[in-house]
Amino acid sequence: MNITIFGATGAIGQLLTQFALENGDIVTVYVRNPEKIKQKHSNLRIVTGELTN
């Protein structure tokens, strides 16, 4: 399944990202600060931006 997570650097967003990756999903995270994403995975795509963009 393809999943997009907004706010993935927050506590809940990090848990959702981890759970989805462990489940084998393809995850796109939309974040303001990509340096806060500590997870590395082949199914993880990081998109940087503001929600107002």
Protein backbone atom coordinates (compact mmCIF):
# COMPACT_ATOMS: atom_id res chain seq x y z
CA MET A 1 0.00 0.00 0.00
CA ASN A 2 1.18 3.56 -0.69
CA ILE A 3 0.88 5.85 2.32
CA THR A 4 1.59 9.57 2.77
CA ILE A 5 2.24 10.86 6.27
CA PHE A 6 2.13 14.58 7.05
CA GLY A 7 3.99 15.65 10.19
CA ALA A 8 6.19 12.56 10.24
CA THR A 9 8.74 14.18 12.55
CA GLY A 10 6.28 14.30 15.45
CA ALA A 11 5.87 11.50 17.97
CA ILE A 12 2.77 9.96 16.37
CA GLY A 13 4.09 10.51 12.85
CA GLN A 14 7.31 8.66 13.68
CA LEU A 15 5.37 5.72 15.07
CA LEU A 16 3.08 5.61 12.04
CA THR A 17 6.06 5.74 9.70
CA GLN A 18 7.85 2.94 11.53
CA PHE A 19 4.71 0.77 11.64
CA ALA A 20 3.97 1.27 7.94
CA LEU A 21 7.54 0.45 6.91
CA GLU A 22 7.55 -2.67 9.08
CA ASN A 23 4.27 -3.65 7.40
CA GLY A 24 5.98 -3.45 3.98
CA ASP A 25 4.15 -0.34 2.81
CA ILE A 26 5.65 2.32 0.54
CA VAL A 27 5.74 5.48 2.65
CA THR A 28 6.06 9.11 1.56
CA VAL A 29 6.63 11.57 4.39
CA TYR A 30 6.04 15.30 3.94
CA VAL A 31 8.16 17.28 6.40
CA ARG A 32 9.56 20.75 6.94
CA ASN A 33 12.90 19.52 8.29
CA PRO A 34 14.13 16.28 6.66
CA GLU A 35 17.10 16.06 9.05
CA LYS A 36 14.65 15.03 11.79
CA ILE A 37 13.80 11.81 9.95
CA LYS A 38 16.13 9.20 11.44
CA GLN A 39 14.68 6.19 9.65
CA LYS A 40 16.38 4.85 6.55
CA HIS A 41 14.47 2.40 4.37
CA SER A 42 14.20 1.57 0.69
CA ASN A 43 10.41 2.10 0.85
CA LEU A 44 10.73 5.56 2.44
CA ARG A 45 10.51 8.72 0.33
CA ILE A 46 11.05 12.12 1.96
CA VAL A 47 9.42 15.24 0.52
CA THR A 48 10.39 18.61 2.00
CA GLY A 49 8.00 21.54 2.14
CA GLU A 50 5.42 23.56 4.03
CA LEU A 51 1.76 22.55 4.14
CA THR A 52 0.93 26.03 2.90
CA ASN A 53 2.88 25.41 -0.35
